[in-house]
Amino acid sequence: MAHGPNSEISAPVFTVIIPAHDEAAYIGRTLDALRAQDTNAPGAVHVIVAANGCRDKTAEIARSRIEVFTERGWHLSVVEIPEGRKTAAINAAEAIAQPGPRIFLDADVVCNPALLGQLMQALAPAQPLHATGRFQIKPPESAVSRAYARTWMRVPFMSAGTPSAGLFAVNAAGRARWGIFPDIIADDIFVRLQFAPRERVAVPAPYSWILAEGFGPLVRVRRRWDAGNRQLAVRYPELFRNEDTPPVRMKDHLQLFLAGPAGYLVYVAVSIAAHARRYDPDHWARGRG
C-alpha cells in the first residue's frame, strides 16, 4: 500500500529511500532533517518511506509529513509491507520510484542541511558513481558505547576508508550495476562493492548515525555485521575485487590500545562476544541494536 503523489512526479527525480521497521521514535526527525535541506533541487525530490513489519506508528508519522513536503515542491510517499525485512522494503520502494539517482537512508539517520545538495553534485557525472557523506556517531549515552565508539572510529576502515553505514547513494548509471536487492544482511556493503575505489566519493557534509547503547546491543550489531560480511563473501565473492579496506595489523592493535586502553578493551570484548554465538537471521537488527 502506497500513499503520496507519485503520479504527479516528472523527471528528473532524485529519490531518497528510507526502509523503516518500528521507527516511530525516529522517523519524524529524519524526515524533518530531509525537508530542511538547503538545496534548490534542479528537479523533483521524491522521498519514499518503506515501512516494513511495523507494529507502531511509523507509517502514520511519515504520512503526517506529506503536506509539508508538498509545500516545498517535493514528494513524500509511504509504502507498507507486512514483512519485516530491509531489502524487501527497499525493493518495494524502488518499485514505485522513477529512474534516476538514489539515496538509501536509514530511518534514524539525521542529515546535515548541506548533504543532499552535495550528493546531487557528486552524482551528476554520467559515469557510474557511489557517494556518501561524512560519517558521524551521535554521542552515545552509555559509557560502554562511548568507549567502543572512540576505538571503532580509529580502526583503518573507519579512519582511512569511506564508510557508508546508514547512508549511501548512487547515480542512475551506478544503479544499473545490479538488479533488485537480494535477500542479504549487508545491503550497504553489497552496494559499495559494486564500485571500484576510484568510483566512490565522500562529500564533506556529515550525517549522524546512532550507535547501539550498551554491551549487549553492541555485541548483537557486531555479530550481524560479521555475518553480513561472511554472507557476501560466500554468495558474491567476485565483489571483493573492489574491496580496499585496509587490514587491522598488529601495529594497528598496538596503536589503538595506546590511543585509548579502555576503549580498545571494550572493542575487543565486543568482538570476542560477537563470535561466541551465531547470528539470528530472524532478528531485525539496526545500528543501534
Foldseek 3Di string as FASTA:
>chain_A
DKDKDLVPFDDDEEEEEEEDEQQPVAQLQQVVLVLLAPDPDPGEYEYEYQYELHPDCNQVSQVVCQVVCVVVVYMYMYHYDNHDARLVSVLVRVVSDDFWKYKYAYSRKHFDNHPVVQVCVLQPDPAKAKEAEQEDEDQADAPLVNLQVVLVCLFQCNVPHHDHARIMMITRNLVVLDDRDDRALCPVVVSVLSDARVRYYYHHTYMYDYAAHDLVLLLLVVLSVVVRVVVCCVPPVVSCVRDPRDDCDPVNLVVSCVVPVVSSVSNVVSVVSSVVDHHDPVDDHGRRD
